C-alpha atoms as a PDB file:
ATOM      1  CA  MET A   1     -71.048  -6.115  64.462  1.00  0.00           C
ATOM      2  CA  SER A   2     -70.995  -3.439  61.820  1.00  0.00           C
ATOM      3  CA  ASN A   3     -67.449  -2.455  62.792  1.00  0.00           C
ATOM      4  CA  ASP A   4     -66.246  -6.036  62.432  1.00  0.00           C
ATOM      5  CA  LEU A   5     -67.903  -6.299  59.050  1.00  0.00           C
ATOM      6  CA  LEU A   6     -66.350  -3.050  57.954  1.00  0.00           C
ATOM      7  CA  PHE A   7     -62.931  -4.176  59.097  1.00  0.00           C
ATOM      8  CA  PHE A   8     -63.324  -7.514  57.321  1.00  0.00           C
ATOM      9  CA  THR A   9     -64.407  -5.766  54.139  1.00  0.00           C
ATOM     10  CA  PHE A  10     -61.381  -3.444  54.321  1.00  0.00           C
ATOM     11  CA  VAL A  11     -58.988  -6.347  54.837  1.00  0.00           C
ATOM     12  CA  MET A  12     -60.469  -8.314  51.937  1.00  0.00           C
ATOM     13  CA  GLY A  13     -60.325  -5.271  49.699  1.00  0.00           C
ATOM     14  CA  ALA A  14     -56.680  -4.633  50.588  1.00  0.00           C
ATOM     15  CA  LEU A  15     -55.885  -8.288  50.033  1.00  0.00           C
ATOM     16  CA  PHE A  16     -57.603  -8.204  46.654  1.00  0.00           C
ATOM     17  CA  VAL A  17     -55.656  -5.113  45.628  1.00  0.00           C
ATOM     18  CA  PHE A  18     -52.410  -6.711  46.772  1.00  0.00           C
ATOM     19  CA  VAL A  19     -53.147  -9.865  44.823  1.00  0.00           C
ATOM     20  CA  MET A  20     -54.038  -7.892  41.699  1.00  0.00           C
ATOM     21  CA  VAL A  21     -50.840  -5.851  41.977  1.00  0.00           C
ATOM     22  CA  ALA A  22     -48.842  -9.073  42.438  1.00  0.00           C
ATOM     23  CA  LEU A  23     -50.527 -10.609  39.421  1.00  0.00           C
ATOM     24  CA  PHE A  24     -49.889  -7.494  37.378  1.00  0.00           C
ATOM     25  CA  ARG A  25     -46.223  -7.457  38.407  1.00  0.00           C
ATOM     26  CA  SER A  26     -45.880 -11.111  37.467  1.00  0.00           C
ATOM     27  CA  ILE A  27     -46.501 -10.214  33.822  1.00  0.00           C
ATOM     28  CA  ARG A  28     -43.277  -9.456  31.964  1.00  0.00           C
ATOM     29  CA  LEU A  29     -42.799  -8.137  28.414  1.00  0.00           C
ATOM     30  CA  VAL A  30     -39.170  -8.762  27.440  1.00  0.00           C
ATOM     31  CA  PRO A  31     -37.904  -6.388  24.679  1.00  0.00           C
ATOM     32  CA  ALA A  32     -36.059  -7.650  21.607  1.00  0.00           C
ATOM     33  CA  GLN A  33     -32.323  -8.304  22.088  1.00  0.00           C
ATOM     34  CA  SER A  34     -32.811  -8.526  25.854  1.00  0.00           C
ATOM     35  CA  GLU A  35     -32.993 -11.352  28.376  1.00  0.00           C
ATOM     36  CA  TYR A  36     -34.335 -11.423  31.959  1.00  0.00           C
ATOM     37  CA  ILE A  37     -32.930 -13.680  34.690  1.00  0.00           C
ATOM     38  CA  VAL A  38     -35.720 -15.063  36.912  1.00  0.00           C
ATOM     39  CA  GLU A  39     -35.083 -16.321  40.450  1.00  0.00           C
ATOM     40  CA  ARG A  40     -37.559 -18.488  42.358  1.00  0.00           C
ATOM     41  CA  PHE A  41     -37.262 -18.123  46.114  1.00  0.00           C
ATOM     42  CA  GLY A  42     -33.848 -16.521  45.637  1.00  0.00           C
ATOM     43  CA  LYS A  43     -32.445 -19.233  43.374  1.00  0.00           C
ATOM     44  CA  TYR A  44     -31.860 -19.107  39.620  1.00  0.00           C
ATOM     45  CA  HIS A  45     -34.892 -20.505  37.870  1.00  0.00           C
ATOM     46  CA  THR A  46     -34.987 -19.567  34.180  1.00  0.00           C
ATOM     47  CA  THR A  47     -33.987 -17.027  31.509  1.00  0.00           C
ATOM     48  CA  LEU A  48     -36.753 -15.149  29.744  1.00  0.00           C
ATOM     49  CA  LYS A  49     -36.241 -14.436  26.054  1.00  0.00           C
ATOM     50  CA  ALA A  50     -37.893 -11.627  24.103  1.00  0.00           C
ATOM     51  CA  GLY A  51     -41.720 -11.785  24.274  1.00  0.00           C
ATOM     52  CA  PHE A  52     -44.631 -12.107  26.729  1.00  0.00           C
ATOM     53  CA  HIS A  53     -44.147 -14.064  29.974  1.00  0.00           C
ATOM     54  CA  VAL A  54     -46.110 -14.677  33.209  1.00  0.00           C
ATOM     55  CA  LEU A  55     -44.247 -15.334  36.464  1.00  0.00           C
ATOM     56  CA  LEU A  56     -45.394 -17.169  39.537  1.00  0.00           C
ATOM     57  CA  PRO A  57     -46.590 -14.482  41.935  1.00  0.00           C
ATOM     58  CA  PHE A  58     -44.734 -14.119  45.217  1.00  0.00           C
ATOM     59  CA  ALA A  59     -42.255 -16.844  44.184  1.00  0.00           C
ATOM     60  CA  ASP A  60     -40.603 -15.557  41.003  1.00  0.00           C
ATOM     61  CA  GLN A  61     -38.821 -12.290  40.558  1.00  0.00           C
ATOM     62  CA  VAL A  62     -36.640 -10.762  37.853  1.00  0.00           C
ATOM     63  CA  ALA A  63     -33.178 -10.512  39.404  1.00  0.00           C
ATOM     64  CA  TYR A  64     -31.173  -9.292  36.359  1.00  0.00           C
ATOM     65  CA  SER A  65     -31.811  -7.958  32.892  1.00  0.00           C
ATOM     66  CA  GLN A  66     -29.112  -8.240  30.223  1.00  0.00           C
ATOM     67  CA  ASP A  67     -28.796  -6.343  26.960  1.00  0.00           C
ATOM     68  CA  MET A  68     -27.784  -8.819  24.222  1.00  0.00           C
ATOM     69  CA  LYS A  69     -26.811  -6.146  21.690  1.00  0.00           C
ATOM     70  CA  GLU A  70     -23.186  -5.228  21.000  1.00  0.00           C
ATOM     71  CA  ASN A  71     -21.889  -2.855  23.660  1.00  0.00           C
ATOM     72  CA  THR A  72     -19.215  -0.197  23.407  1.00  0.00           C
ATOM     73  CA  ILE A  73     -17.122   0.542  26.480  1.00  0.00           C
ATOM     74  CA  GLU A  74     -14.501   3.267  26.610  1.00  0.00           C
ATOM     75  CA  VAL A  75     -11.179   2.451  28.252  1.00  0.00           C
ATOM     76  CA  PRO A  76      -9.962   5.560  30.110  1.00  0.00           C
ATOM     77  CA  PRO A  77      -6.498   6.988  29.323  1.00  0.00           C
ATOM     78  CA  GLN A  78      -3.612   5.442  31.237  1.00  0.00           C
ATOM     79  CA  PHE A  79       0.162   5.841  31.261  1.00  0.00           C
ATOM     80  CA  CYS A  80       2.272   2.943  30.013  1.00  0.00           C
ATOM     81  CA  PHE A  81       6.038   2.542  29.856  1.00  0.00           C
ATOM     82  CA  THR A  82       7.613   1.170  26.694  1.00  0.00           C
ATOM     83  CA  LYS A  83      10.578  -1.191  26.594  1.00  0.00           C
ATOM     84  CA  ASP A  84      12.968   1.768  26.231  1.00  0.00           C
ATOM     85  CA  GLU A  85      11.446   3.465  29.311  1.00  0.00           C
ATOM     86  CA  ILE A  86       9.334   6.080  27.497  1.00  0.00           C
ATOM     87  CA  GLN A  87       6.016   6.989  29.083  1.00  0.00           C
ATOM     88  CA  VAL A  88       3.065   7.072  26.674  1.00  0.00           C
ATOM     89  CA  GLU A  89      -0.622   7.754  27.256  1.00  0.00           C
ATOM     90  CA  VAL A  90      -2.965   5.115  25.827  1.00  0.00           C
ATOM     91  CA  ASP A  91      -6.744   4.853  25.688  1.00  0.00           C
ATOM     92  CA  GLY A  92      -9.137   2.742  23.664  1.00  0.00           C
ATOM     93  CA  VAL A  93     -12.577   1.268  23.068  1.00  0.00           C
ATOM     94  CA  ILE A  94     -13.851  -2.257  23.765  1.00  0.00           C
ATOM     95  CA  TYR A  95     -16.622  -3.806  21.681  1.00  0.00           C
ATOM     96  CA  LEU A  96     -18.296  -6.760  23.453  1.00  0.00           C
ATOM     97  CA  GLN A  97     -21.539  -8.736  23.396  1.00  0.00           C
ATOM     98  CA  VAL A  98     -23.318 -10.925  25.942  1.00  0.00           C
ATOM     99  CA  PHE A  99     -23.969 -14.469  24.706  1.00  0.00           C
ATOM    100  CA  ASP A 100     -24.914 -16.098  28.026  1.00  0.00           C
ATOM    101  CA  SER A 101     -26.998 -13.842  30.234  1.00  0.00           C
ATOM    102  CA  ALA A 102     -26.901 -16.260  33.201  1.00  0.00           C
ATOM    103  CA  LYS A 103     -23.076 -16.289  33.279  1.00  0.00           C
ATOM    104  CA  ALA A 104     -22.996 -12.515  32.779  1.00  0.00           C
ATOM    105  CA  SER A 105     -25.285 -12.170  35.821  1.00  0.00           C
ATOM    106  CA  TYR A 106     -23.771 -14.745  38.185  1.00  0.00           C
ATOM    107  CA  GLY A 107     -20.249 -15.262  36.822  1.00  0.00           C
ATOM    108  CA  ILE A 108     -18.957 -11.818  37.779  1.00  0.00           C
ATOM    109  CA  THR A 109     -20.166  -8.803  39.677  1.00  0.00           C
ATOM    110  CA  ASP A 110     -19.712  -6.249  36.863  1.00  0.00           C
ATOM    111  CA  PHE A 111     -18.316  -7.601  33.591  1.00  0.00           C
ATOM    112  CA  ARG A 112     -18.028  -4.102  32.074  1.00  0.00           C
ATOM    113  CA  PHE A 113     -15.770  -2.865  34.851  1.00  0.00           C
ATOM    114  CA  ALA A 114     -13.795  -6.118  34.747  1.00  0.00           C
ATOM    115  CA  ALA A 115     -13.318  -5.883  30.973  1.00  0.00           C
ATOM    116  CA  VAL A 116     -11.986  -2.312  31.259  1.00  0.00           C
ATOM    117  CA  GLN A 117      -9.547  -3.264  34.021  1.00  0.00           C
ATOM    118  CA  LEU A 118      -8.288  -6.317  32.169  1.00  0.00           C
ATOM    119  CA  ALA A 119      -7.902  -4.299  28.947  1.00  0.00           C
ATOM    120  CA  GLN A 120      -5.796  -1.711  30.761  1.00  0.00           C
ATOM    121  CA  THR A 121      -3.506  -4.242  32.429  1.00  0.00           C
ATOM    122  CA  THR A 122      -3.052  -6.196  29.179  1.00  0.00           C
ATOM    123  CA  THR A 123      -2.305  -2.999  27.264  1.00  0.00           C
ATOM    124  CA  ARG A 124       0.360  -2.025  29.796  1.00  0.00           C
ATOM    125  CA  ALA A 125       1.919  -5.489  29.563  1.00  0.00           C
ATOM    126  CA  VAL A 126       2.007  -5.505  25.741  1.00  0.00           C
ATOM    127  CA  VAL A 127       3.325  -1.928  25.423  1.00  0.00           C
ATOM    128  CA  GLY A 128       6.065  -2.792  27.918  1.00  0.00           C
ATOM    129  CA  THR A 129       7.491  -5.355  25.475  1.00  0.00           C
ATOM    130  CA  LEU A 130       7.807  -2.868  22.584  1.00  0.00           C
ATOM    131  CA  ASP A 131      10.116   0.043  21.842  1.00  0.00           C
ATOM    132  CA  LEU A 132       8.519   3.445  21.321  1.00  0.00           C
ATOM    133  CA  ASP A 133       8.917   3.371  17.546  1.00  0.00           C
ATOM    134  CA  ARG A 134       7.272  -0.046  17.319  1.00  0.00           C
ATOM    135  CA  THR A 135       4.291   0.952  19.452  1.00  0.00           C
ATOM    136  CA  PHE A 136       3.070   3.193  16.627  1.00  0.00           C
ATOM    137  CA  GLU A 137       3.634   0.450  14.054  1.00  0.00           C
ATOM    138  CA  GLU A 138       2.191  -2.397  16.128  1.00  0.00           C
ATOM    139  CA  ARG A 139      -1.219  -0.938  17.028  1.00  0.00           C
ATOM    140  CA  GLU A 140      -3.001  -3.813  15.319  1.00  0.00           C
ATOM    141  CA  ALA A 141      -0.809  -6.365  17.129  1.00  0.00           C
ATOM    142  CA  ILE A 142      -1.502  -4.674  20.494  1.00  0.00           C
ATOM    143  CA  SER A 143      -5.258  -4.695  19.812  1.00  0.00           C
ATOM    144  CA  HIS A 144      -5.155  -8.361  18.773  1.00  0.00           C
ATOM    145  CA  LYS A 145      -3.259  -9.354  21.923  1.00  0.00           C
ATOM    146  CA  VAL A 146      -5.704  -7.488  24.183  1.00  0.00           C
ATOM    147  CA  VAL A 147      -8.691  -9.094  22.436  1.00  0.00           C
ATOM    148  CA  THR A 148      -7.146 -12.576  22.825  1.00  0.00           C
ATOM    149  CA  VAL A 149      -6.525 -12.165  26.570  1.00  0.00           C
ATOM    150  CA  LEU A 150      -9.907 -10.541  27.199  1.00  0.00           C
ATOM    151  CA  ASP A 151     -11.840 -13.148  25.245  1.00  0.00           C
ATOM    152  CA  GLN A 152     -10.219 -16.009  27.150  1.00  0.00           C
ATOM    153  CA  ALA A 153     -11.200 -14.461  30.485  1.00  0.00           C
ATOM    154  CA  ALA A 154     -14.601 -13.210  29.314  1.00  0.00           C
ATOM    155  CA  ALA A 155     -15.710 -16.680  28.197  1.00  0.00           C
ATOM    156  CA  LYS A 156     -16.357 -17.444  31.884  1.00  0.00           C
ATOM    157  CA  TRP A 157     -18.433 -14.291  32.135  1.00  0.00           C
ATOM    158  CA  GLY A 158     -20.720 -15.220  29.235  1.00  0.00           C
ATOM    159  CA  ILE A 159     -19.519 -12.427  26.924  1.00  0.00           C
ATOM    160  CA  HIS A 160     -17.558 -12.216  23.684  1.00  0.00           C
ATOM    161  CA  ILE A 161     -14.871  -9.561  23.161  1.00  0.00           C
ATOM    162  CA  LEU A 162     -15.353  -8.566  19.527  1.00  0.00           C
ATOM    163  CA  ARG A 163     -12.745  -5.842  19.059  1.00  0.00           C
ATOM    164  CA  PHE A 164     -10.403  -3.545  20.899  1.00  0.00           C
ATOM    165  CA  GLU A 165      -9.299  -0.348  19.218  1.00  0.00           C
ATOM    166  CA  ILE A 166      -6.577   1.998  20.461  1.00  0.00           C
ATOM    167  CA  LYS A 167      -7.917   5.533  20.141  1.00  0.00           C
ATOM    168  CA  ASN A 168      -4.837   7.532  21.118  1.00  0.00           C
ATOM    169  CA  LEU A 169      -1.210   6.710  21.772  1.00  0.00           C
ATOM    170  CA  ILE A 170       0.453   9.940  22.893  1.00  0.00           C
ATOM    171  CA  PRO A 171       4.175  10.192  23.772  1.00  0.00           C
ATOM    172  CA  PRO A 172       5.620  13.022  25.945  1.00  0.00           C
ATOM    173  CA  GLU A 173       5.987  16.464  24.360  1.00  0.00           C
ATOM    174  CA  SER A 174       9.794  16.292  24.307  1.00  0.00           C
ATOM    175  CA  VAL A 175       9.733  12.925  22.589  1.00  0.00           C
ATOM    176  CA  ARG A 176       7.114  14.178  20.144  1.00  0.00           C
ATOM    177  CA  GLN A 177       9.304  17.155  19.196  1.00  0.00           C
ATOM    178  CA  SER A 178      12.351  14.923  18.682  1.00  0.00           C
ATOM    179  CA  MET A 179      10.253  12.560  16.562  1.00  0.00           C
ATOM    180  CA  GLU A 180       9.064  15.451  14.415  1.00  0.00           C
ATOM    181  CA  LYS A 181      12.703  16.542  13.915  1.00  0.00           C
ATOM    182  CA  GLN A 182      13.626  12.981  13.023  1.00  0.00           C
ATOM    183  CA  VAL A 183      10.797  12.773  10.506  1.00  0.00           C
ATOM    184  CA  THR A 184      11.855  16.117   8.981  1.00  0.00           C
ATOM    185  CA  ALA A 185      15.478  14.969   8.732  1.00  0.00           C
ATOM    186  CA  GLU A 186      14.381  11.709   7.116  1.00  0.00           C
ATOM    187  CA  ARG A 187      12.288  13.592   4.577  1.00  0.00           C
ATOM    188  CA  ASN A 188      15.221  15.872   3.745  1.00  0.00           C
ATOM    189  CA  ARG A 189      17.509  12.860   3.367  1.00  0.00           C
ATOM    190  CA  ARG A 190      15.052  11.183   1.036  1.00  0.00           C
ATOM    191  CA  ALA A 191      14.758  14.371  -1.009  1.00  0.00           C
ATOM    192  CA  ILE A 192      18.559  14.577  -1.353  1.00  0.00           C
ATOM    193  CA  VAL A 193      18.773  10.908  -2.303  1.00  0.00           C
ATOM    194  CA  GLU A 194      16.007  11.277  -4.867  1.00  0.00           C
ATOM    195  CA  LYS A 195      17.708  14.358  -6.315  1.00  0.00           C
ATOM    196  CA  SER A 196      21.075  12.570  -6.571  1.00  0.00           C
ATOM    197  CA  VAL A 197      19.432   9.541  -8.154  1.00  0.00           C
ATOM    198  CA  GLY A 198      17.741  11.816 -10.669  1.00  0.00           C
ATOM    199  CA  ALA A 199      21.023  13.600 -11.486  1.00  0.00           C
ATOM    200  CA  LYS A 200      22.784  10.245 -11.839  1.00  0.00           C
ATOM    201  CA  GLN A 201      20.095   8.935 -14.162  1.00  0.00           C
ATOM    202  CA  SER A 202      20.275  12.149 -16.190  1.00  0.00           C
ATOM    203  CA  LEU A 203      24.039  11.752 -16.644  1.00  0.00           C
ATOM    204  CA  ILE A 204      23.584   8.105 -17.577  1.00  0.00           C
ATOM    205  CA  ASN A 205      20.923   8.983 -20.130  1.00  0.00           C
ATOM    206  CA  THR A 206      23.104  11.753 -21.582  1.00  0.00           C
ATOM    207  CA  SER A 207      26.174   9.503 -21.865  1.00  0.00           C
ATOM    208  CA  GLU A 208      24.104   6.709 -23.396  1.00  0.00           C
ATOM    209  CA  GLY A 209      22.668   9.173 -25.885  1.00  0.00           C
ATOM    210  CA  GLN A 210      26.142  10.427 -26.813  1.00  0.00           C
ATOM    211  CA  MET A 211      27.431   6.871 -27.123  1.00  0.00           C
ATOM    212  CA  THR A 212      24.503   5.915 -29.326  1.00  0.00           C
ATOM    213  CA  GLU A 213      25.107   8.996 -31.465  1.00  0.00           C
ATOM    214  CA  MET A 214      28.835   8.152 -31.877  1.00  0.00           C
ATOM    215  CA  ILE A 215      28.003   4.545 -32.734  1.00  0.00           C
ATOM    216  CA  ASN A 216      25.465   5.668 -35.304  1.00  0.00           C
ATOM    217  CA  ARG A 217      27.959   8.111 -36.808  1.00  0.00           C
ATOM    218  CA  SER A 218      30.739   5.502 -36.944  1.00  0.00           C
ATOM    219  CA  GLU A 219      28.403   2.942 -38.479  1.00  0.00           C
ATOM    220  CA  GLY A 220      27.266   5.539 -40.987  1.00  0.00           C
ATOM    221  CA  GLU A 221      30.877   6.438 -41.823  1.00  0.00           C
ATOM    222  CA  MET A 222      31.777   2.747 -42.116  1.00  0.00           C
ATOM    223  CA  GLN A 223      28.830   2.085 -44.393  1.00  0.00           C
ATOM    224  CA  LYS A 224      29.800   5.138 -46.441  1.00  0.00           C
ATOM    225  CA  ARG A 225      33.351   3.860 -46.897  1.00  0.00           C
ATOM    226  CA  ILE A 226      32.078   0.397 -47.726  1.00  0.00           C
ATOM    227  CA  ASN A 227      29.774   1.859 -50.331  1.00  0.00           C
ATOM    228  CA  GLU A 228      32.579   4.026 -51.784  1.00  0.00           C
ATOM    229  CA  ALA A 229      34.957   1.051 -51.878  1.00  0.00           C
ATOM    230  CA  GLN A 230      32.333  -1.104 -53.523  1.00  0.00           C
ATOM    231  CA  GLY A 231      31.675   1.708 -55.993  1.00  0.00           C
ATOM    232  CA  MET A 232      35.383   2.087 -56.791  1.00  0.00           C
ATOM    233  CA  ALA A 233      35.761  -1.677 -57.122  1.00  0.00           C
ATOM    234  CA  GLN A 234      32.791  -1.780 -59.459  1.00  0.00           C
ATOM    235  CA  GLU A 235      34.249   1.124 -61.407  1.00  0.00           C
ATOM    236  CA  ILE A 236      37.666  -0.564 -61.731  1.00  0.00           C
ATOM    237  CA  LEU A 237      35.985  -3.797 -62.722  1.00  0.00           C
ATOM    238  CA  SER A 238      33.918  -2.009 -65.325  1.00  0.00           C
ATOM    239  CA  ILE A 239      37.009  -0.207 -66.674  1.00  0.00           C
ATOM    240  CA  GLY A 240      38.913  -3.494 -66.791  1.00  0.00           C
ATOM    241  CA  VAL A 241      36.084  -5.226 -68.599  1.00  0.00           C
ATOM    242  CA  ALA A 242      35.811  -2.329 -71.050  1.00  0.00           C
ATOM    243  CA  THR A 243      39.593  -2.286 -71.606  1.00  0.00           C
ATOM    244  CA  ALA A 244      39.642  -6.034 -72.161  1.00  0.00           C
ATOM    245  CA  GLU A 245      36.814  -5.765 -74.650  1.00  0.00           C
ATOM    246  CA  SER A 246      38.578  -2.881 -76.370  1.00  0.00           C
ATOM    247  CA  ILE A 247      41.828  -4.801 -76.612  1.00  0.00           C
ATOM    248  CA  SER A 248      39.985  -7.850 -77.888  1.00  0.00           C
ATOM    249  CA  LYS A 249      38.247  -5.802 -80.565  1.00  0.00           C
ATOM    250  CA  VAL A 250      41.575  -4.161 -81.550  1.00  0.00           C
ATOM    251  CA  ALA A 251      43.180  -7.568 -81.819  1.00  0.00           C
ATOM    252  CA  GLN A 252      40.300  -8.815 -83.944  1.00  0.00           C
ATOM    253  CA  SER A 253      40.484  -5.755 -86.200  1.00  0.00           C
ATOM    254  CA  LEU A 254      44.181  -6.321 -86.826  1.00  0.00           C
ATOM    255  CA  THR A 255      43.445  -9.712 -88.337  1.00  0.00           C
ATOM    256  CA  THR A 256      41.001  -8.256 -90.851  1.00  0.00           C
ATOM    257  CA  VAL A 257      41.930  -6.799 -94.267  1.00  0.00           C
ATOM    258  CA  GLY A 258      43.278  -3.266 -93.855  1.00  0.00           C
ATOM    259  CA  GLY A 259      43.286  -3.538 -90.112  1.00  0.00           C
ATOM    260  CA  LYS A 260      46.967  -2.942 -89.715  1.00  0.00           C
ATOM    261  CA  GLN A 261      46.872   0.149 -91.948  1.00  0.00           C
ATOM    262  CA  ALA A 262      43.975   1.521 -89.929  1.00  0.00           C
ATOM    263  CA  MET A 263      45.864   0.934 -86.690  1.00  0.00           C
ATOM    264  CA  LYS A 264      48.939   2.547 -88.160  1.00  0.00           C
ATOM    265  CA  LEU A 265      46.942   5.584 -89.134  1.00  0.00           C
ATOM    266  CA  GLU A 266      45.324   5.769 -85.664  1.00  0.00           C
ATOM    267  CA  LEU A 267      48.653   5.558 -83.894  1.00  0.00           C
ATOM    268  CA  GLY A 268      50.108   8.189 -86.138  1.00  0.00           C
ATOM    269  CA  GLN A 269      47.286  10.574 -85.348  1.00  0.00           C
ATOM    270  CA  LYS A 270      47.643  10.008 -81.605  1.00  0.00           C
ATOM    271  CA  TYR A 271      51.391  10.469 -81.876  1.00  0.00           C
ATOM    272  CA  VAL A 272      50.998  13.772 -83.630  1.00  0.00           C
ATOM    273  CA  SER A 273      48.359  14.862 -81.130  1.00  0.00           C
ATOM    274  CA  THR A 274      50.606  13.982 -78.247  1.00  0.00           C
ATOM    275  CA  LEU A 275      53.478  15.941 -79.733  1.00  0.00           C
ATOM    276  CA  GLY A 276      51.246  18.944 -80.036  1.00  0.00           C
ATOM    277  CA  GLN A 277      50.403  18.729 -76.348  1.00  0.00           C
ATOM    278  CA  LEU A 278      54.090  18.458 -75.430  1.00  0.00           C
ATOM    279  CA  LYS A 279      54.793  21.796 -77.032  1.00  0.00           C
ATOM    280  CA  GLU A 280      52.392  23.629 -74.772  1.00  0.00           C
ATOM    281  CA  GLY A 281      54.430  23.115 -71.623  1.00  0.00           C
ATOM    282  CA  ASN A 282      58.035  23.112 -70.571  1.00  0.00           C
ATOM    283  CA  ARG A 283      58.691  19.483 -71.400  1.00  0.00           C
ATOM    284  CA  VAL A 284      61.937  17.675 -72.384  1.00  0.00           C
ATOM    285  CA  ILE A 285      61.924  14.876 -74.996  1.00  0.00           C
ATOM    286  CA  LEU A 286      64.518  12.280 -74.065  1.00  0.00           C
ATOM    287  CA  SER A 287      64.316   9.875 -76.998  1.00  0.00           C
ATOM    288  CA  GLY A 288      62.914   9.458 -80.454  1.00  0.00           C
ATOM    289  CA  ASN A 289      63.672  11.196 -83.718  1.00  0.00           C
ATOM    290  CA  LEU A 290      60.932  13.725 -84.042  1.00  0.00           C
ATOM    291  CA  MET A 291      61.944  14.749 -87.580  1.00  0.00           C
ATOM    292  CA  ASN A 292      61.801  11.261 -89.011  1.00  0.00           C
ATOM    293  CA  MET A 293      58.171  10.328 -88.371  1.00  0.00           C
ATOM    294  CA  GLN A 294      58.133   7.917 -91.319  1.00  0.00           C
ATOM    295  CA  GLU A 295      60.778   5.724 -89.724  1.00  0.00           C
ATOM    296  CA  MET A 296      58.897   5.660 -86.424  1.00  0.00           C
ATOM    297  CA  LEU A 297      55.725   4.586 -88.174  1.00  0.00           C
ATOM    298  CA  LYS A 298      57.618   1.827 -89.935  1.00  0.00           C
ATOM    299  CA  ALA A 299      58.968   0.675 -86.607  1.00  0.00           C
ATOM    300  CA  MET A 300      55.433   0.545 -85.279  1.00  0.00           C
ATOM    301  CA  GLU A 301      54.329  -1.384 -88.339  1.00  0.00           C
ATOM    302  CA  LEU A 302      57.077  -3.928 -87.735  1.00  0.00           C
ATOM    303  CA  ASP A 303      55.966  -4.336 -84.153  1.00  0.00           C
ATOM    304  CA  LEU A 304      52.416  -4.932 -85.236  1.00  0.00           C
END
């Protein structure tokens, strides 16, 4: 009887321990930004959010746990052929995030592996439509195309493809050397063009400066001549006005008493003065009686 009691006590103790362990295992603390998928009798039952949860012992079990934070997945390097049959090595990084943990658990076996494979195949397809030169210029377009294709497929998996970045795009060594030579030649050509443009602009500036200088000189000379002509015209006008006034005054003086005698005396003095000047040079007198000055003065008087 004691053996049966001992055996019963052992069985009850083991059963109690088993039940306590099952109860303890039914308690789940879900971390922040995580979700647990619970199955009841092997069938999807519920999704546990962050916090404290108690499961039904022996019936419920956590089948999957999903990280809801943004994930970074590296895409291994692969060789792609461009449209002009140049082999390039391409690798990248995928940024994705789970938005439906149930789909991510049951919709696909391994969404990370699937995303990498789909990114590689899409990258090969997009690079195959571009020439080598455009592959370096169209990195953003390639990334956008890969994200579009991935996101359409990943919607069934309960994940969002946020970004895809190409890390390296490496052409063969021979192509790289030829590209470096091409870049060097292009830089030299640009330097020559810039130098010629500078020389051309310098010549243009010099010629424009010379033309401006000649125009300024000609305008200055023209203004000088205009000023001289205006000065001469003003001088002639002044002389004419003075001569007219002088003649008018002489005419007025002739009408006064003794005016004619004064004029006669003035003319006689100028006549004598002029004769004195004629003697200084080798001059020839063609007319006039120089010895009979009285008759000449009388002739002048008659004229007056």
